[in-house]
Amino acid sequence: MATGHTDPRRRERIIAATLDLIAEEGLARVSHRRIAARAGVPLGSMTYHFSGMDELLREAFGQFTDHIVAVFDTHLSAPADRDQARAAVADLVHILSEGPQRDLVLTQELYTLAARQPEYRELTHEWMRRSRIHLERHFDPDTARQLDALIKGLALHRALAREPHDRDLTLEAITRITRV
C-alpha cells in the first residue's frame, strides 16, 4: 500500500472509514483517531485532507446521499407510464427497507445531525431535492414531495417493524397519493 502524499486513495479511505464507524458505532463515537486507525492512515492525514471533523462529515454524508440518490435513479429511470412508476416506487421502498442495515443507520444519523445542527440541513435539503427530481419524471412536484416523504417513512417503518407490511400495502399507499 502506498504511503504519504503518494497514496492517491487515502482521502477516499478516510471517508469510507468515517461512514463505516458511524454505521457501526454511531456518530458520537467517531473521532479523528478512530477514523485514522480504521482507515489505516497516520493521524496527521486527517488534518492534511480535511480542515476538521465538520468538513469530513459533510463530505462523508455527501457521498452517502449520492449513493441513495443513485438507488432512486436506478429504480425510477426506466418506468414508461404512471403504473410502472408506482410499481418502481414500491420496489424502491422495499429495496431501501430490506437493504443494508448500514444505509438505514447512516440515514438516521444524518437526520439526527441535521436536526441538531442546522448547518447540516443543507445536505438533507439537497438530498430531498435530488430525490424529488427523479420522482418528478413521473409525478407533479407536489406529489413528488409527498412520495419522497412516504418512501423514507415507509422504508423506515418496514426496516424496524417486527412484521413489516407487504408490497401490496406499499403499492396501495403510493396509489392513494398518486391518484389524479
C-alpha atoms as a PDB file:
ATOM      1  CA  MET A   1       0.000   0.000   0.000  1.00  0.00           C
ATOM      2  CA  ALA A   2       1.307   3.436  -0.887  1.00  0.00           C
ATOM      3  CA  THR A   3       2.114   5.830   1.921  1.00  0.00           C
ATOM      4  CA  GLY A   4       2.429   9.582   2.365  1.00  0.00           C
ATOM      5  CA  HIS A   5       1.296  12.019  -0.247  1.00  0.00           C
ATOM      6  CA  THR A   6       1.784   9.386  -2.957  1.00  0.00           C
ATOM      7  CA  ASP A   7      -1.261   7.480  -1.700  1.00  0.00           C
ATOM      8  CA  PRO A   8      -3.986   8.680  -4.091  1.00  0.00           C
ATOM      9  CA  ARG A   9      -6.783   6.768  -2.309  1.00  0.00           C
ATOM     10  CA  ARG A  10      -6.057   7.929   1.230  1.00  0.00           C
ATOM     11  CA  ARG A  11      -8.807  10.569   1.231  1.00  0.00           C
ATOM     12  CA  GLU A  12     -11.361   8.032  -0.022  1.00  0.00           C
ATOM     13  CA  ARG A  13     -10.291   5.508   2.631  1.00  0.00           C
ATOM     14  CA  ILE A  14     -10.758   8.144   5.325  1.00  0.00           C
ATOM     15  CA  ILE A  15     -14.268   8.928   4.094  1.00  0.00           C
ATOM     16  CA  ALA A  16     -15.166   5.224   3.853  1.00  0.00           C
ATOM     17  CA  ALA A  17     -13.801   4.593   7.354  1.00  0.00           C
ATOM     18  CA  THR A  18     -15.844   7.516   8.662  1.00  0.00           C
ATOM     19  CA  LEU A  19     -19.071   6.136   7.236  1.00  0.00           C
ATOM     20  CA  ASP A  20     -18.277   2.620   8.468  1.00  0.00           C
ATOM     21  CA  LEU A  21     -17.610   3.858  12.001  1.00  0.00           C
ATOM     22  CA  ILE A  22     -20.771   5.954  12.061  1.00  0.00           C
ATOM     23  CA  ALA A  23     -22.811   2.974  10.854  1.00  0.00           C
ATOM     24  CA  GLU A  24     -21.255   0.552  13.331  1.00  0.00           C
ATOM     25  CA  GLU A  25     -20.872   2.677  16.448  1.00  0.00           C
ATOM     26  CA  GLY A  26     -22.790   5.912  15.982  1.00  0.00           C
ATOM     27  CA  LEU A  27     -21.720   9.437  15.292  1.00  0.00           C
ATOM     28  CA  ALA A  28     -20.973  10.140  18.952  1.00  0.00           C
ATOM     29  CA  ARG A  29     -18.143   7.561  18.930  1.00  0.00           C
ATOM     30  CA  VAL A  30     -16.401   8.924  15.832  1.00  0.00           C
ATOM     31  CA  SER A  31     -13.076  10.698  16.354  1.00  0.00           C
ATOM     32  CA  HIS A  32     -10.087  11.622  14.209  1.00  0.00           C
ATOM     33  CA  ARG A  33      -8.003   8.988  15.989  1.00  0.00           C
ATOM     34  CA  ARG A  34     -10.547   6.196  15.492  1.00  0.00           C
ATOM     35  CA  ILE A  35     -11.102   7.106  11.836  1.00  0.00           C
ATOM     36  CA  ALA A  36      -7.352   7.196  11.119  1.00  0.00           C
ATOM     37  CA  ALA A  37      -6.882   3.799  12.763  1.00  0.00           C
ATOM     38  CA  ARG A  38      -9.818   2.335  10.823  1.00  0.00           C
ATOM     39  CA  ALA A  39      -8.562   3.789   7.525  1.00  0.00           C
ATOM     40  CA  GLY A  40      -5.001   2.642   8.190  1.00  0.00           C
ATOM     41  CA  VAL A  41      -3.569   6.144   7.821  1.00  0.00           C
ATOM     42  CA  PRO A  42      -1.408   8.305  10.077  1.00  0.00           C
ATOM     43  CA  LEU A  43      -3.387  10.613  12.356  1.00  0.00           C
ATOM     44  CA  GLY A  44      -1.779  13.620  10.631  1.00  0.00           C
ATOM     45  CA  SER A  45      -3.542  12.623   7.410  1.00  0.00           C
ATOM     46  CA  MET A  46      -6.801  13.711   8.930  1.00  0.00           C
ATOM     47  CA  THR A  47      -5.803  17.380   9.115  1.00  0.00           C
ATOM     48  CA  TYR A  48      -3.912  17.200   5.830  1.00  0.00           C
ATOM     49  CA  HIS A  49      -7.012  16.085   3.921  1.00  0.00           C
ATOM     50  CA  PHE A  50      -9.764  17.774   5.964  1.00  0.00           C
ATOM     51  CA  SER A  51      -9.867  21.092   7.807  1.00  0.00           C
ATOM     52  CA  GLY A  52     -11.774  19.454  10.638  1.00  0.00           C
ATOM     53  CA  MET A  53     -14.448  16.964  11.580  1.00  0.00           C
ATOM     54  CA  ASP A  54     -17.233  19.102  10.087  1.00  0.00           C
ATOM     55  CA  GLU A  55     -15.664  19.064   6.626  1.00  0.00           C
ATOM     56  CA  LEU A  56     -15.081  15.319   6.871  1.00  0.00           C
ATOM     57  CA  LEU A  57     -18.651  14.624   7.988  1.00  0.00           C
ATOM     58  CA  ARG A  58     -20.123  16.817   5.250  1.00  0.00           C
ATOM     59  CA  GLU A  59     -18.081  15.010   2.605  1.00  0.00           C
ATOM     60  CA  ALA A  60     -18.820  11.564   4.039  1.00  0.00           C
ATOM     61  CA  PHE A  61     -22.552  12.180   4.305  1.00  0.00           C
ATOM     62  CA  GLY A  62     -22.457  13.826   0.871  1.00  0.00           C
ATOM     63  CA  GLN A  63     -21.070  10.597  -0.581  1.00  0.00           C
ATOM     64  CA  PHE A  64     -23.704   8.615   1.273  1.00  0.00           C
ATOM     65  CA  THR A  65     -26.553  10.735  -0.084  1.00  0.00           C
ATOM     66  CA  ASP A  66     -25.064  10.381  -3.581  1.00  0.00           C
ATOM     67  CA  HIS A  67     -25.341   6.616  -3.100  1.00  0.00           C
ATOM     68  CA  ILE A  68     -29.013   6.802  -2.086  1.00  0.00           C
ATOM     69  CA  VAL A  69     -29.860   9.150  -4.959  1.00  0.00           C
ATOM     70  CA  ALA A  70     -28.219   6.630  -7.311  1.00  0.00           C
ATOM     71  CA  VAL A  71     -30.579   3.970  -5.911  1.00  0.00           C
ATOM     72  CA  PHE A  72     -33.503   6.290  -6.709  1.00  0.00           C
ATOM     73  CA  ASP A  73     -32.125   6.786 -10.214  1.00  0.00           C
ATOM     74  CA  THR A  74     -31.728   3.052 -10.780  1.00  0.00           C
ATOM     75  CA  HIS A  75     -35.358   2.391  -9.918  1.00  0.00           C
ATOM     76  CA  LEU A  76     -37.030   5.484 -11.319  1.00  0.00           C
ATOM     77  CA  SER A  77     -35.258   5.983 -14.638  1.00  0.00           C
ATOM     78  CA  ALA A  78     -36.943   3.120 -16.524  1.00  0.00           C
ATOM     79  CA  PRO A  79     -40.731   3.371 -15.944  1.00  0.00           C
ATOM     80  CA  ALA A  80     -42.641   4.363 -19.061  1.00  0.00           C
ATOM     81  CA  ASP A  81     -46.042   5.154 -17.538  1.00  0.00           C
ATOM     82  CA  ARG A  82     -47.681   6.041 -14.229  1.00  0.00           C
ATOM     83  CA  ASP A  83     -48.462   2.436 -13.243  1.00  0.00           C
ATOM     84  CA  GLN A  84     -44.870   1.378 -13.885  1.00  0.00           C
ATOM     85  CA  ALA A  85     -43.682   4.389 -11.894  1.00  0.00           C
ATOM     86  CA  ARG A  86     -45.906   3.409  -8.964  1.00  0.00           C
ATOM     87  CA  ALA A  87     -44.511  -0.125  -9.079  1.00  0.00           C
ATOM     88  CA  ALA A  88     -40.967   1.258  -9.214  1.00  0.00           C
ATOM     89  CA  VAL A  89     -41.622   3.429  -6.165  1.00  0.00           C
ATOM     90  CA  ALA A  90     -42.964   0.385  -4.294  1.00  0.00           C
ATOM     91  CA  ASP A  91     -39.846  -1.548  -5.289  1.00  0.00           C
ATOM     92  CA  LEU A  92     -37.716   1.346  -4.070  1.00  0.00           C
ATOM     93  CA  VAL A  93     -39.401   1.339  -0.642  1.00  0.00           C
ATOM     94  CA  HIS A  94     -38.739  -2.382  -0.296  1.00  0.00           C
ATOM     95  CA  ILE A  95     -35.148  -2.144  -1.568  1.00  0.00           C
ATOM     96  CA  LEU A  96     -34.398   0.630   0.935  1.00  0.00           C
ATOM     97  CA  SER A  97     -36.079  -1.173   3.842  1.00  0.00           C
ATOM     98  CA  GLU A  98     -34.540  -4.563   3.102  1.00  0.00           C
ATOM     99  CA  GLY A  99     -31.149  -3.204   2.066  1.00  0.00           C
ATOM    100  CA  PRO A 100     -28.025  -2.937   4.147  1.00  0.00           C
ATOM    101  CA  GLN A 101     -28.544  -2.029   7.808  1.00  0.00           C
ATOM    102  CA  ARG A 102     -25.647   0.366   7.222  1.00  0.00           C
ATOM    103  CA  ASP A 103     -27.795   2.566   4.951  1.00  0.00           C
ATOM    104  CA  LEU A 104     -30.631   2.693   7.485  1.00  0.00           C
ATOM    105  CA  VAL A 105     -28.290   3.708  10.302  1.00  0.00           C
ATOM    106  CA  LEU A 106     -26.462   6.303   8.200  1.00  0.00           C
ATOM    107  CA  THR A 107     -29.773   7.815   7.129  1.00  0.00           C
ATOM    108  CA  GLN A 108     -30.940   8.185  10.718  1.00  0.00           C
ATOM    109  CA  GLU A 109     -27.569   9.514  11.889  1.00  0.00           C
ATOM    110  CA  LEU A 110     -27.663  12.175   9.162  1.00  0.00           C
ATOM    111  CA  TYR A 111     -31.237  13.164  10.016  1.00  0.00           C
ATOM    112  CA  THR A 112     -30.313  13.446  13.695  1.00  0.00           C
ATOM    113  CA  LEU A 113     -27.220  15.508  12.912  1.00  0.00           C
ATOM    114  CA  ALA A 114     -29.258  17.822  10.669  1.00  0.00           C
ATOM    115  CA  ALA A 115     -31.959  18.174  13.324  1.00  0.00           C
ATOM    116  CA  ARG A 116     -29.390  19.173  15.939  1.00  0.00           C
ATOM    117  CA  GLN A 117     -27.073  21.263  13.788  1.00  0.00           C
ATOM    118  CA  PRO A 118     -28.755  23.426  11.156  1.00  0.00           C
ATOM    119  CA  GLU A 119     -25.566  23.732   9.077  1.00  0.00           C
ATOM    120  CA  TYR A 120     -26.014  20.063   8.124  1.00  0.00           C
ATOM    121  CA  ARG A 121     -29.560  20.620   6.884  1.00  0.00           C
ATOM    122  CA  GLU A 122     -28.174  21.705   3.532  1.00  0.00           C
ATOM    123  CA  LEU A 123     -27.161  18.063   2.987  1.00  0.00           C
ATOM    124  CA  THR A 124     -30.666  16.795   3.706  1.00  0.00           C
ATOM    125  CA  HIS A 125     -32.287  19.578   1.656  1.00  0.00           C
ATOM    126  CA  GLU A 126     -30.075  18.726  -1.318  1.00  0.00           C
ATOM    127  CA  TRP A 127     -30.767  15.015  -0.884  1.00  0.00           C
ATOM    128  CA  MET A 128     -34.532  15.622  -0.862  1.00  0.00           C
ATOM    129  CA  ARG A 129     -34.281  17.941  -3.867  1.00  0.00           C
ATOM    130  CA  ARG A 130     -32.350  15.358  -5.868  1.00  0.00           C
ATOM    131  CA  SER A 131     -34.727  12.550  -4.866  1.00  0.00           C
ATOM    132  CA  ARG A 132     -37.693  14.639  -5.977  1.00  0.00           C
ATOM    133  CA  ILE A 133     -36.088  15.276  -9.369  1.00  0.00           C
ATOM    134  CA  HIS A 134     -36.278  11.544 -10.030  1.00  0.00           C
ATOM    135  CA  LEU A 135     -39.867  11.376  -8.826  1.00  0.00           C
ATOM    136  CA  GLU A 136     -40.855  14.415 -10.900  1.00  0.00           C
ATOM    137  CA  ARG A 137     -40.068  12.452 -14.058  1.00  0.00           C
ATOM    138  CA  HIS A 138     -43.348  10.665 -13.352  1.00  0.00           C
ATOM    139  CA  PHE A 139     -45.364  12.839 -10.965  1.00  0.00           C
ATOM    140  CA  ASP A 140     -46.116  16.542 -10.449  1.00  0.00           C
ATOM    141  CA  PRO A 141     -43.890  18.412  -7.931  1.00  0.00           C
ATOM    142  CA  ASP A 142     -46.386  18.330  -5.038  1.00  0.00           C
ATOM    143  CA  THR A 143     -46.971  14.615  -5.474  1.00  0.00           C
ATOM    144  CA  ALA A 144     -43.218  14.027  -5.767  1.00  0.00           C
ATOM    145  CA  ARG A 145     -42.721  15.822  -2.440  1.00  0.00           C
ATOM    146  CA  GLN A 146     -45.364  13.657  -0.771  1.00  0.00           C
ATOM    147  CA  LEU A 147     -43.921  10.493  -2.304  1.00  0.00           C
ATOM    148  CA  ASP A 148     -40.409  11.352  -1.169  1.00  0.00           C
ATOM    149  CA  ALA A 149     -41.627  11.600   2.429  1.00  0.00           C
ATOM    150  CA  LEU A 150     -43.692   8.428   2.034  1.00  0.00           C
ATOM    151  CA  ILE A 151     -40.742   6.467   0.627  1.00  0.00           C
ATOM    152  CA  LYS A 152     -38.471   7.419   3.516  1.00  0.00           C
ATOM    153  CA  GLY A 153     -41.172   6.876   6.120  1.00  0.00           C
ATOM    154  CA  LEU A 154     -42.377   3.524   4.799  1.00  0.00           C
ATOM    155  CA  ALA A 155     -38.806   2.295   4.358  1.00  0.00           C
ATOM    156  CA  LEU A 156     -38.031   3.152   7.983  1.00  0.00           C
ATOM    157  CA  HIS A 157     -41.246   1.548   9.262  1.00  0.00           C
ATOM    158  CA  ARG A 158     -40.625  -1.622   7.249  1.00  0.00           C
ATOM    159  CA  ALA A 159     -36.989  -1.812   8.349  1.00  0.00           C
ATOM    160  CA  LEU A 160     -37.839  -1.504  12.045  1.00  0.00           C
ATOM    161  CA  ALA A 161     -41.125  -3.422  12.209  1.00  0.00           C
ATOM    162  CA  ARG A 162     -41.301  -6.875  13.756  1.00  0.00           C
ATOM    163  CA  GLU A 163     -43.685  -7.816  10.967  1.00  0.00           C
ATOM    164  CA  PRO A 164     -43.081  -5.477   8.010  1.00  0.00           C
ATOM    165  CA  HIS A 165     -46.058  -4.715   5.807  1.00  0.00           C
ATOM    166  CA  ASP A 166     -46.135  -6.341   2.380  1.00  0.00           C
ATOM    167  CA  ARG A 167     -45.639  -4.853  -1.062  1.00  0.00           C
ATOM    168  CA  ASP A 168     -49.397  -4.689  -1.738  1.00  0.00           C
ATOM    169  CA  LEU A 169     -49.887  -2.291   1.175  1.00  0.00           C
ATOM    170  CA  THR A 170     -46.919  -0.211  -0.011  1.00  0.00           C
ATOM    171  CA  LEU A 171     -48.384  -0.018  -3.510  1.00  0.00           C
ATOM    172  CA  GLU A 172     -51.806   0.913  -2.095  1.00  0.00           C
ATOM    173  CA  ALA A 173     -50.294   3.848  -0.175  1.00  0.00           C
ATOM    174  CA  ILE A 174     -48.417   5.017  -3.286  1.00  0.00           C
ATOM    175  CA  THR A 175     -51.543   4.714  -5.421  1.00  0.00           C
ATOM    176  CA  ARG A 176     -53.579   6.777  -2.946  1.00  0.00           C
ATOM    177  CA  ILE A 177     -51.062   9.614  -3.090  1.00  0.00           C
ATOM    178  CA  THR A 178     -50.655   9.499  -6.874  1.00  0.00           C
ATOM    179  CA  ARG A 179     -54.313   9.366  -7.901  1.00  0.00           C
ATOM    180  CA  VAL A 180     -55.127  12.133 -10.327  1.00  0.00           C
END
